[in-house]
Every structure is written in structure tokens, then in C-alpha cells.
C-alpha atoms as a PDB file:
ATOM      1  CA  MET A   1       0.813   7.001  -2.536  1.00  0.00           C
ATOM      2  CA  THR A   2      10.005   3.383  -2.099  1.00  0.00           C
ATOM      3  CA  THR A   3      13.433   3.638  -0.628  1.00  0.00           C
ATOM      4  CA  ALA A   4      11.991   6.526   0.371  1.00  0.00           C
ATOM      5  CA  GLY A   5       8.481   6.061   0.757  1.00  0.00           C
ATOM      6  CA  GLY A   6       7.130   6.870  -2.482  1.00  0.00           C
ATOM      7  CA  CYS A   7       4.490   8.052  -2.621  1.00  0.00           C
ATOM      8  CA  PHE A   8       1.814   6.781  -2.858  1.00  0.00           C
ATOM      9  CA  LEU A   9       3.122   4.934  -3.292  1.00  0.00           C
ATOM     10  CA  SER A  10       2.950   1.543  -4.074  1.00  0.00           C
ATOM     11  CA  HIS A  11       5.131   0.992  -4.660  1.00  0.00           C
ATOM     12  CA  THR A  12       4.827  -2.044  -3.815  1.00  0.00           C
ATOM     13  CA  ALA A  13       3.481  -0.996  -6.743  1.00  0.00           C
ATOM     14  CA  TRP A  14       3.423  -2.595  -5.924  1.00  0.00           C
ATOM     15  CA  MET A  15       5.215   0.471  -3.980  1.00  0.00           C
ATOM     16  CA  ILE A  16       7.077   3.643  -5.507  1.00  0.00           C
ATOM     17  CA  GLN A  17      10.320   2.406  -3.694  1.00  0.00           C
ATOM     18  CA  TYR A  18       9.895  -1.121  -4.990  1.00  0.00           C
ATOM     19  CA  GLN A  19       9.763   0.074  -8.677  1.00  0.00           C
ATOM     20  CA  PHE A  20      12.694   2.058  -8.258  1.00  0.00           C
ATOM     21  CA  ALA A  21      14.505  -1.071  -7.417  1.00  0.00           C
ATOM     22  CA  VAL A  22      13.313  -2.675 -10.117  1.00  0.00           C
ATOM     23  CA  ALA A  23      14.432   0.396 -12.487  1.00  0.00           C
ATOM     24  CA  GLY A  24      18.119  -0.846 -11.065  1.00  0.00           C
ATOM     25  CA  VAL A  25      18.973   1.818  -8.374  1.00  0.00           C
ATOM     26  CA  ALA A  26      21.150   0.190  -6.166  1.00  0.00           C
ATOM     27  CA  LEU A  27      20.024   1.045  -2.416  1.00  0.00           C
ATOM     28  CA  LYS A  28      21.970  -0.200   0.428  1.00  0.00           C
ATOM     29  CA  ARG A  29      19.246  -0.435   2.520  1.00  0.00           C
ATOM     30  CA  PRO A  30      16.035  -2.408   1.981  1.00  0.00           C
ATOM     31  CA  ALA A  31      13.181  -0.505   0.163  1.00  0.00           C
ATOM     32  CA  LEU A  32      10.283   0.618   2.240  1.00  0.00           C
ATOM     33  CA  SER A  33       7.596  -1.194   0.196  1.00  0.00           C
ATOM     34  CA  LEU A  34       4.843   1.554   0.368  1.00  0.00           C
ATOM     35  CA  ALA A  35       2.574   0.702  -0.533  1.00  0.00           C
ATOM     36  CA  LYS A  36       3.673   3.375  -4.186  1.00  0.00           C
ATOM     37  CA  CYS A  37       3.859   6.364  -3.679  1.00  0.00           C
ATOM     38  CA  PHE A  38       2.351   9.529  -2.361  1.00  0.00           C
ATOM     39  CA  GLY A  39       2.943   5.411  -1.641  1.00  0.00           C
ATOM     40  CA  ALA A  40       2.804   6.784  -2.141  1.00  0.00           C
ATOM     41  CA  LEU A  41       1.152   9.135  -1.850  1.00  0.00           C
ATOM     42  CA  ALA A  42      -0.025   5.922  -2.768  1.00  0.00           C
ATOM     43  CA  LEU A  43      -0.555   6.941  -2.620  1.00  0.00           C
ATOM     44  CA  CYS A  44      -4.000   6.420  -4.572  1.00  0.00           C
ATOM     45  CA  ALA A  45      -6.722   4.976  -2.448  1.00  0.00           C
ATOM     46  CA  LEU A  46     -11.763   2.247  -1.034  1.00  0.00           C
ATOM     47  CA  ALA A  47     -18.336  -2.441   3.038  1.00  0.00           C
ATOM     48  CA  SER A  48     -20.442  -5.705   4.903  1.00  0.00           C
ATOM     49  CA  VAL A  49     -23.688  -5.131   4.007  1.00  0.00           C
ATOM     50  CA  ALA A  50     -27.368  -6.603   3.187  1.00  0.00           C
ATOM     51  CA  SER A  51     -26.420  -7.714  -0.155  1.00  0.00           C
ATOM     52  CA  ALA A  52     -23.782  -7.653  -2.631  1.00  0.00           C
ATOM     53  CA  GLN A  53     -25.122  -5.121  -4.664  1.00  0.00           C
ATOM     54  CA  THR A  54     -25.222  -2.658  -1.987  1.00  0.00           C
ATOM     55  CA  VAL A  55     -21.605  -3.381  -0.819  1.00  0.00           C
ATOM     56  CA  ALA A  56     -20.712  -2.702  -4.582  1.00  0.00           C
ATOM     57  CA  SER A  57     -22.693   0.487  -4.085  1.00  0.00           C
ATOM     58  CA  GLN A  58     -21.592   1.624  -0.910  1.00  0.00           C
ATOM     59  CA  GLY A  59     -17.855   0.830  -1.229  1.00  0.00           C
ATOM     60  CA  LEU A  60     -17.406   2.791  -5.181  1.00  0.00           C
ATOM     61  CA  GLU A  61     -19.282   5.382  -3.569  1.00  0.00           C
ATOM     62  CA  SER A  62     -17.120   5.899  -1.042  1.00  0.00           C
ATOM     63  CA  LEU A  63     -13.879   5.832  -3.669  1.00  0.00           C
ATOM     64  CA  GLU A  64     -15.700   7.925  -6.154  1.00  0.00           C
ATOM     65  CA  ASN A  65     -16.293  10.416  -3.396  1.00  0.00           C
ATOM     66  CA  PHE A  66     -12.504  10.481  -1.895  1.00  0.00           C
ATOM     67  CA  VAL A  67     -11.204  11.055  -5.306  1.00  0.00           C
ATOM     68  CA  LYS A  68     -13.663  13.761  -6.681  1.00  0.00           C
ATOM     69  CA  ASN A  69     -14.146  15.495  -3.220  1.00  0.00           C
ATOM     70  CA  THR A  70     -10.725  15.249  -1.149  1.00  0.00           C
ATOM     71  CA  LYS A  71      -8.369  17.245  -3.217  1.00  0.00           C
ATOM     72  CA  THR A  72      -5.780  17.707  -0.527  1.00  0.00           C
ATOM     73  CA  GLY A  73      -5.034  15.502   2.777  1.00  0.00           C
ATOM     74  CA  SER A  74      -2.651  14.929   5.352  1.00  0.00           C
ATOM     75  CA  ALA A  75      -1.902  12.130   7.786  1.00  0.00           C
ATOM     76  CA  SER A  76       0.628  10.091  10.125  1.00  0.00           C
ATOM     77  CA  PHE A  77       0.923   6.734   9.035  1.00  0.00           C
ATOM     78  CA  THR A  78       2.531   3.510  10.581  1.00  0.00           C
ATOM     79  CA  GLN A  79       3.305   1.052   7.852  1.00  0.00           C
ATOM     80  CA  ILE A  80       4.230  -3.282   8.433  1.00  0.00           C
ATOM     81  CA  VAL A  81       5.753  -4.941   5.474  1.00  0.00           C
ATOM     82  CA  THR A  82       5.305  -8.839   5.674  1.00  0.00           C
ATOM     83  CA  SER A  83       7.290 -11.126   3.727  1.00  0.00           C
ATOM     84  CA  PRO A  84       5.538 -14.565   2.302  1.00  0.00           C
ATOM     85  CA  SER A  85       6.628 -17.365   4.961  1.00  0.00           C
ATOM     86  CA  ARG A  86       8.926 -19.952   2.957  1.00  0.00           C
ATOM     87  CA  ASP A  87      10.002 -23.421   4.095  1.00  0.00           C
ATOM     88  CA  GLY A  88       7.581 -23.502   6.874  1.00  0.00           C
ATOM     89  CA  GLN A  89       9.489 -20.016   8.830  1.00  0.00           C
ATOM     90  CA  THR A  90       7.482 -17.467  10.598  1.00  0.00           C
ATOM     91  CA  PRO A  91       7.038 -14.651   8.011  1.00  0.00           C
ATOM     92  CA  LYS A  92       9.664 -11.557   8.864  1.00  0.00           C
ATOM     93  CA  THR A  93       7.906  -8.357   9.405  1.00  0.00           C
ATOM     94  CA  LYS A  94       9.287  -4.865   9.272  1.00  0.00           C
ATOM     95  CA  SER A  95       7.523  -1.509  10.394  1.00  0.00           C
ATOM     96  CA  SER A  96       7.937   2.359   9.261  1.00  0.00           C
ATOM     97  CA  SER A  97       6.227   5.709  10.479  1.00  0.00           C
ATOM     98  CA  GLY A  98       5.718   8.479   9.297  1.00  0.00           C
ATOM     99  CA  SER A  99       3.971  11.750   7.804  1.00  0.00           C
ATOM    100  CA  PHE A 100       1.888  12.167   4.576  1.00  0.00           C
ATOM    101  CA  GLU A 101       0.378  14.394   2.482  1.00  0.00           C
ATOM    102  CA  PHE A 102      -0.919  15.061  -1.352  1.00  0.00           C
ATOM    103  CA  SER A 103      -2.614  17.759  -3.628  1.00  0.00           C
ATOM    104  CA  ARG A 104      -4.305  16.845  -6.316  1.00  0.00           C
ATOM    105  CA  PRO A 105      -3.484  16.507  -9.107  1.00  0.00           C
ATOM    106  CA  ASN A 106      -0.371  14.710  -8.768  1.00  0.00           C
ATOM    107  CA  ARG A 107       1.672  16.492  -6.130  1.00  0.00           C
ATOM    108  CA  PHE A 108       2.121  14.368  -2.609  1.00  0.00           C
ATOM    109  CA  ARG A 109       5.228  14.092   0.182  1.00  0.00           C
ATOM    110  CA  PHE A 110       6.099  10.649   2.115  1.00  0.00           C
ATOM    111  CA  ILE A 111       8.231  11.508   4.677  1.00  0.00           C
ATOM    112  CA  TYR A 112       9.757   8.643   7.088  1.00  0.00           C
ATOM    113  CA  LYS A 113      10.923   9.151  10.197  1.00  0.00           C
ATOM    114  CA  ASN A 114      11.739   5.336  11.313  1.00  0.00           C
ATOM    115  CA  PRO A 115      13.506   3.406  11.422  1.00  0.00           C
ATOM    116  CA  PHE A 116      15.607   5.445   8.580  1.00  0.00           C
ATOM    117  CA  GLU A 117      14.850   9.158   7.939  1.00  0.00           C
ATOM    118  CA  GLN A 118      13.776   8.962   4.566  1.00  0.00           C
ATOM    119  CA  SER A 119      11.392  11.297   1.822  1.00  0.00           C
ATOM    120  CA  ILE A 120       9.566  10.928  -1.152  1.00  0.00           C
ATOM    121  CA  VAL A 121       8.044  14.248  -2.336  1.00  0.00           C
ATOM    122  CA  SER A 122       6.660  14.723  -6.304  1.00  0.00           C
ATOM    123  CA  ASP A 123       6.445  18.046  -7.284  1.00  0.00           C
ATOM    124  CA  GLY A 124       3.886  17.338 -10.255  1.00  0.00           C
ATOM    125  CA  GLN A 125       6.355  16.281 -12.421  1.00  0.00           C
ATOM    126  CA  THR A 126       9.247  14.929 -10.711  1.00  0.00           C
ATOM    127  CA  LEU A 127       9.584  11.925  -8.208  1.00  0.00           C
ATOM    128  CA  TRP A 128      12.283  12.591  -5.570  1.00  0.00           C
ATOM    129  CA  LEU A 129      13.591   9.874  -3.276  1.00  0.00           C
ATOM    130  CA  HIS A 130      16.078  11.097  -0.595  1.00  0.00           C
ATOM    131  CA  ASP A 131      17.812   8.894   1.791  1.00  0.00           C
ATOM    132  CA  VAL A 132      19.390  10.985   4.565  1.00  0.00           C
ATOM    133  CA  GLY A 133      21.358   8.742   6.109  1.00  0.00           C
ATOM    134  CA  LEU A 134      23.134   7.776   2.582  1.00  0.00           C
ATOM    135  CA  ASN A 135      23.024  11.530   0.940  1.00  0.00           C
ATOM    136  CA  GLN A 136      21.494   9.703  -1.760  1.00  0.00           C
ATOM    137  CA  VAL A 137      18.586  11.190  -4.110  1.00  0.00           C
ATOM    138  CA  THR A 138      16.812   9.593  -7.219  1.00  0.00           C
ATOM    139  CA  THR A 139      14.809  11.391  -9.387  1.00  0.00           C
ATOM    140  CA  SER A 140      12.448  10.102 -11.873  1.00  0.00           C
ATOM    141  CA  LYS A 141       9.871  11.544 -14.300  1.00  0.00           C
ATOM    142  CA  LEU A 142       6.405  11.159 -12.286  1.00  0.00           C
ATOM    143  CA  ALA A 143       4.304   9.630 -15.019  1.00  0.00           C
ATOM    144  CA  LYS A 144       6.900   6.780 -15.195  1.00  0.00           C
ATOM    145  CA  ALA A 145       7.358   6.491 -11.819  1.00  0.00           C
ATOM    146  CA  LEU A 146       3.430   6.219 -10.846  1.00  0.00           C
ATOM    147  CA  ASN A 147       1.569   4.517 -13.796  1.00  0.00           C
ATOM    148  CA  GLY A 148      -0.314   1.630 -12.211  1.00  0.00           C
ATOM    149  CA  THR A 149       0.537   1.913  -9.065  1.00  0.00           C
ATOM    150  CA  PRO A 150      -1.719   2.834  -5.472  1.00  0.00           C
ATOM    151  CA  ALA A 151       0.229   6.155  -5.472  1.00  0.00           C
ATOM    152  CA  ALA A 152      -1.309   6.916  -9.053  1.00  0.00           C
ATOM    153  CA  MET A 153      -4.942   6.280  -7.637  1.00  0.00           C
ATOM    154  CA  ILE A 154      -4.501   8.079  -4.210  1.00  0.00           C
ATOM    155  CA  ALA A 155      -2.911  11.571  -5.641  1.00  0.00           C
ATOM    156  CA  SER A 156      -3.566  11.460  -8.953  1.00  0.00           C
ATOM    157  CA  ALA A 157      -7.165  10.066 -10.094  1.00  0.00           C
ATOM    158  CA  THR A 158      -9.653  12.958 -10.492  1.00  0.00           C
ATOM    159  CA  ASP A 159     -12.844  10.044 -11.484  1.00  0.00           C
ATOM    160  CA  ILE A 160     -13.515   6.548 -11.566  1.00  0.00           C
ATOM    161  CA  LYS A 161     -13.965   5.876 -14.844  1.00  0.00           C
ATOM    162  CA  GLY A 162     -10.158   6.913 -15.674  1.00  0.00           C
ATOM    163  CA  MET A 163      -9.296   4.436 -12.697  1.00  0.00           C
ATOM    164  CA  GLN A 164     -11.673   1.822 -14.508  1.00  0.00           C
ATOM    165  CA  ALA A 165      -9.032   1.988 -17.118  1.00  0.00           C
ATOM    166  CA  GLU A 166      -6.321   0.548 -15.297  1.00  0.00           C
ATOM    167  CA  PHE A 167      -7.550  -1.139 -12.498  1.00  0.00           C
ATOM    168  CA  VAL A 168     -10.452  -4.050 -11.603  1.00  0.00           C
ATOM    169  CA  LEU A 169     -12.719  -2.284  -8.928  1.00  0.00           C
ATOM    170  CA  LYS A 170     -14.166  -4.509  -6.691  1.00  0.00           C
ATOM    171  CA  ALA A 171     -16.117  -3.481  -3.134  1.00  0.00           C
ATOM    172  CA  LEU A 172     -15.101  -5.532  -0.158  1.00  0.00           C
ATOM    173  CA  PRO A 173     -17.423  -5.807   2.964  1.00  0.00           C
ATOM    174  CA  ASP A 174     -16.683  -3.448   5.674  1.00  0.00           C
ATOM    175  CA  LYS A 175     -13.812  -4.213   7.923  1.00  0.00           C
ATOM    176  CA  ASP A 176     -12.359  -2.782  10.691  1.00  0.00           C
ATOM    177  CA  GLY A 177     -14.808  -0.013  10.574  1.00  0.00           C
ATOM    178  CA  PHE A 178     -14.003   0.889   6.930  1.00  0.00           C
ATOM    179  CA  GLN A 179     -15.747   1.014   3.639  1.00  0.00           C
ATOM    180  CA  TRP A 180     -13.318  -1.072   1.396  1.00  0.00           C
ATOM    181  CA  VAL A 181     -12.391  -1.276  -2.407  1.00  0.00           C
ATOM    182  CA  GLN A 182      -9.848  -4.334  -3.905  1.00  0.00           C
ATOM    183  CA  ALA A 183      -8.406  -2.594  -6.987  1.00  0.00           C
ATOM    184  CA  THR A 184      -6.725  -4.950  -9.754  1.00  0.00           C
ATOM    185  CA  PRO A 185      -4.305  -4.002 -12.253  1.00  0.00           C
ATOM    186  CA  LYS A 186      -5.846  -5.230 -15.965  1.00  0.00           C
ATOM    187  CA  THR A 187      -2.100  -5.087 -17.013  1.00  0.00           C
ATOM    188  CA  LYS A 188      -0.346  -8.062 -15.741  1.00  0.00           C
ATOM    189  CA  ASP A 189       3.162  -7.645 -15.638  1.00  0.00           C
ATOM    190  CA  GLY A 190       4.275  -9.295 -11.770  1.00  0.00           C
ATOM    191  CA  GLN A 191       5.115  -6.613  -9.786  1.00  0.00           C
ATOM    192  CA  LEU A 192       1.359  -5.734  -8.368  1.00  0.00           C
ATOM    193  CA  GLN A 193      -1.198  -8.645  -7.430  1.00  0.00           C
ATOM    194  CA  SER A 194      -3.747  -6.053  -5.945  1.00  0.00           C
ATOM    195  CA  PHE A 195      -4.530  -3.144  -3.267  1.00  0.00           C
ATOM    196  CA  SER A 196      -6.958  -2.179  -1.379  1.00  0.00           C
ATOM    197  CA  MET A 197      -8.369   1.220  -0.118  1.00  0.00           C
ATOM    198  CA  GLY A 198     -10.144   1.241   3.404  1.00  0.00           C
ATOM    199  CA  PHE A 199     -11.966   4.644   3.617  1.00  0.00           C
ATOM    200  CA  LYS A 200     -14.209   6.262   6.716  1.00  0.00           C
ATOM    201  CA  SER A 201     -16.620   9.568   6.380  1.00  0.00           C
ATOM    202  CA  THR A 202     -15.768  12.026   8.320  1.00  0.00           C
ATOM    203  CA  ASP A 203     -17.529  15.810   8.875  1.00  0.00           C
ATOM    204  CA  LYS A 204     -15.436  16.877   5.969  1.00  0.00           C
ATOM    205  CA  GLY A 205     -15.921  14.318   3.586  1.00  0.00           C
ATOM    206  CA  GLN A 206     -14.059  10.395   3.152  1.00  0.00           C
ATOM    207  CA  ALA A 207     -10.990  10.301   4.459  1.00  0.00           C
ATOM    208  CA  LEU A 208      -8.444   7.184   3.707  1.00  0.00           C
ATOM    209  CA  ALA A 209      -7.838   5.164   6.530  1.00  0.00           C
ATOM    210  CA  SER A 210      -5.719   2.167   5.294  1.00  0.00           C
ATOM    211  CA  LEU A 211      -3.844   0.694   2.350  1.00  0.00           C
ATOM    212  CA  GLU A 212      -2.995  -2.911   1.613  1.00  0.00           C
ATOM    213  CA  ILE A 213      -0.614  -3.849  -1.170  1.00  0.00           C
ATOM    214  CA  LEU A 214       0.075  -7.460  -2.088  1.00  0.00           C
ATOM    215  CA  ASP A 215       2.867  -7.658  -4.585  1.00  0.00           C
ATOM    216  CA  GLY A 216       3.789 -10.185  -6.835  1.00  0.00           C
ATOM    217  CA  LEU A 217       6.137 -11.985  -4.707  1.00  0.00           C
ATOM    218  CA  GLY A 218       3.482 -12.492  -2.076  1.00  0.00           C
ATOM    219  CA  GLN A 219       4.860  -9.434   0.018  1.00  0.00           C
ATOM    220  CA  ARG A 220       1.959  -7.983   1.742  1.00  0.00           C
ATOM    221  CA  SER A 221       2.394  -4.062   2.801  1.00  0.00           C
ATOM    222  CA  VAL A 222      -0.303  -2.833   5.292  1.00  0.00           C
ATOM    223  CA  MET A 223      -0.562   1.205   6.109  1.00  0.00           C
ATOM    224  CA  LEU A 224      -2.568   2.762   8.617  1.00  0.00           C
ATOM    225  CA  PHE A 225      -3.386   6.209   7.945  1.00  0.00           C
ATOM    226  CA  ASN A 226      -3.934   8.260  11.789  1.00  0.00           C
ATOM    227  CA  GLN A 227      -5.507  11.719  12.207  1.00  0.00           C
ATOM    228  CA  PHE A 228      -6.274  12.073   8.370  1.00  0.00           C
ATOM    229  CA  GLU A 229      -7.253  15.918   7.550  1.00  0.00           C
ATOM    230  CA  VAL A 230      -9.447  16.463   4.587  1.00  0.00           C
ATOM    231  CA  ASN A 231      -9.178  19.043   2.114  1.00  0.00           C
ATOM    232  CA  PRO A 232      -6.478  20.508   4.582  1.00  0.00           C
ATOM    233  CA  VAL A 233      -4.488  24.060   2.797  1.00  0.00           C
ATOM    234  CA  LEU A 234      -1.347  23.235   1.621  1.00  0.00           C
ATOM    235  CA  PRO A 235       1.167  25.446   0.495  1.00  0.00           C
ATOM    236  CA  ASP A 236       3.083  24.430  -2.631  1.00  0.00           C
ATOM    237  CA  SER A 237       6.145  24.801  -0.359  1.00  0.00           C
ATOM    238  CA  VAL A 238       5.289  21.297   1.125  1.00  0.00           C
ATOM    239  CA  PHE A 239       5.567  19.908  -2.323  1.00  0.00           C
ATOM    240  CA  LYS A 240       9.236  21.318  -3.350  1.00  0.00           C
ATOM    241  CA  PHE A 241      12.587  19.274  -2.952  1.00  0.00           C
ATOM    242  CA  THR A 242      16.175  20.347  -3.353  1.00  0.00           C
ATOM    243  CA  PRO A 243      18.770  18.025  -3.549  1.00  0.00           C
ATOM    244  CA  PRO A 244      20.895  19.001  -0.493  1.00  0.00           C
ATOM    245  CA  ALA A 245      24.579  19.687  -0.866  1.00  0.00           C
ATOM    246  CA  GLY A 246      26.788  16.901  -1.760  1.00  0.00           C
ATOM    247  CA  ALA A 247      24.213  14.675  -2.281  1.00  0.00           C
ATOM    248  CA  ASP A 248      24.461  11.336  -4.848  1.00  0.00           C
ATOM    249  CA  VAL A 249      22.066  12.352  -7.792  1.00  0.00           C
ATOM    250  CA  ILE A 250      20.849   9.565  -9.768  1.00  0.00           C
ATOM    251  CA  LYS A 251      18.606  10.545 -12.974  1.00  0.00           C
ATOM    252  CA  GLN A 252      16.133   7.736 -14.193  1.00  0.00           C
END
């Protein structure tokens, strides 16, 4: 865990992209809901069992294992954004795809390859959103852009207690073979209703399998992560960004 992808984020944060739109950045293309980051990366971030107590135990345990032990991650993703139905019309959907990497704390990169080439990169202090077709770069202080977003949980959180300061965490029943946790922000600002993270266990640890974000306007974004690699070695250069020559740079 963005008009470029954001990280993690949600953006819808909703998503990182949406947040930049709210901040007043005029973009010529519709923002790609991320759900915030890295989402995105988000991003970040989580079971049907015999009893509600067991569900909570398993779901929150998966989340805690992810934030404590999955220090880095990489995956490809597909994202589908569905707008709420209006006046009985069929809901409209938009799809996108790309790749995602993160390294705790606070570093991530979303690369959107389709339908537009866009990127969202955090070097730990600054968030960069680059629209290749428009040759436009938007920058913001990371802490301001990620506050209360899915991307903050995926790429920044290091323990459950820190997350519970901002979100009400609730384990959900298993779905699609994943263990789920729903996060609802304690601060109601109208941007984000909730988001849910689906995890699966691997021989290397907990992998993020899916991220579902519901924003304040009823728009739903679903990100599916494929071939998620747990704790890969990621060089610092992955999270470096330099605006290309001639790019229009907008500072927030």
C-alpha cells in the first residue's frame, strides 16, 4: 500500500491516489483506487472456524505475524475498482495491474503497467506519484500522505498495538482460502469506511493475498496479489525515485 498507484495504499484511503485527488492535485486521468498506497503499499495489510473466539485468534494472529515477521515483500497484482450502482444502473468497473514491493518501515513501490503507466514510490520520507503519459510527478511528505491508510498498515506497522490506536480490528471468516482481518478507522473523516486484508501461510511466513477497500462514497477496490514473495532481498535502489527530465513536479 493513487493516481499512480500509492501504495499501499489506499488510497482508497482510501487509497493513496484518492488522497492526492482530495488534496487538490488536478489529474487528467481518473485515479487508480488503491486500495492507499504501497496502497499501497497499502500498502498495509488480514478465518470460518468453529467459534468466534477461534476466528479472532487465528485472524489477528495472522495479521500480527505478518507485520512482525514479513519485513519485505514483492508481488504482482491485479486491481478492480467498482463504483456504486446509481439509479438502477449496472455498477461500473475499472481494472489495472502491475507490481509491488515493500520494505519496513515506510518504503514501498507500486508500478501500474495497465491501463496507464504510473508509479508510486516511497523512500521512507517522501511519497512520489509519477504519471508517465502526462510526465507529471506529485510529491508529498510520507507521514501526511499515509496517515490512517491501508498502506500505512502494510508497509509501516510493526505491531498490532500501534494499529489498534487508529483502527478497530476484527477477524472475519475464511474466504477464498485466506484468513481475513477487517480494519475500521476510529476517526470518521468520510474518506474510508473500512478495509480488509486476506493472508495465506507459506513456508517462509505470512503472505498478503488480497486487499479490499471500501471508501466513503461506496466505491470498492479489490487488489489480488500473485506470487507474493516473503522477505526477499530488496536493494535500496528499488525505493529511490528521481523525477525524469522535463517532468512537471507538483509539491504538496
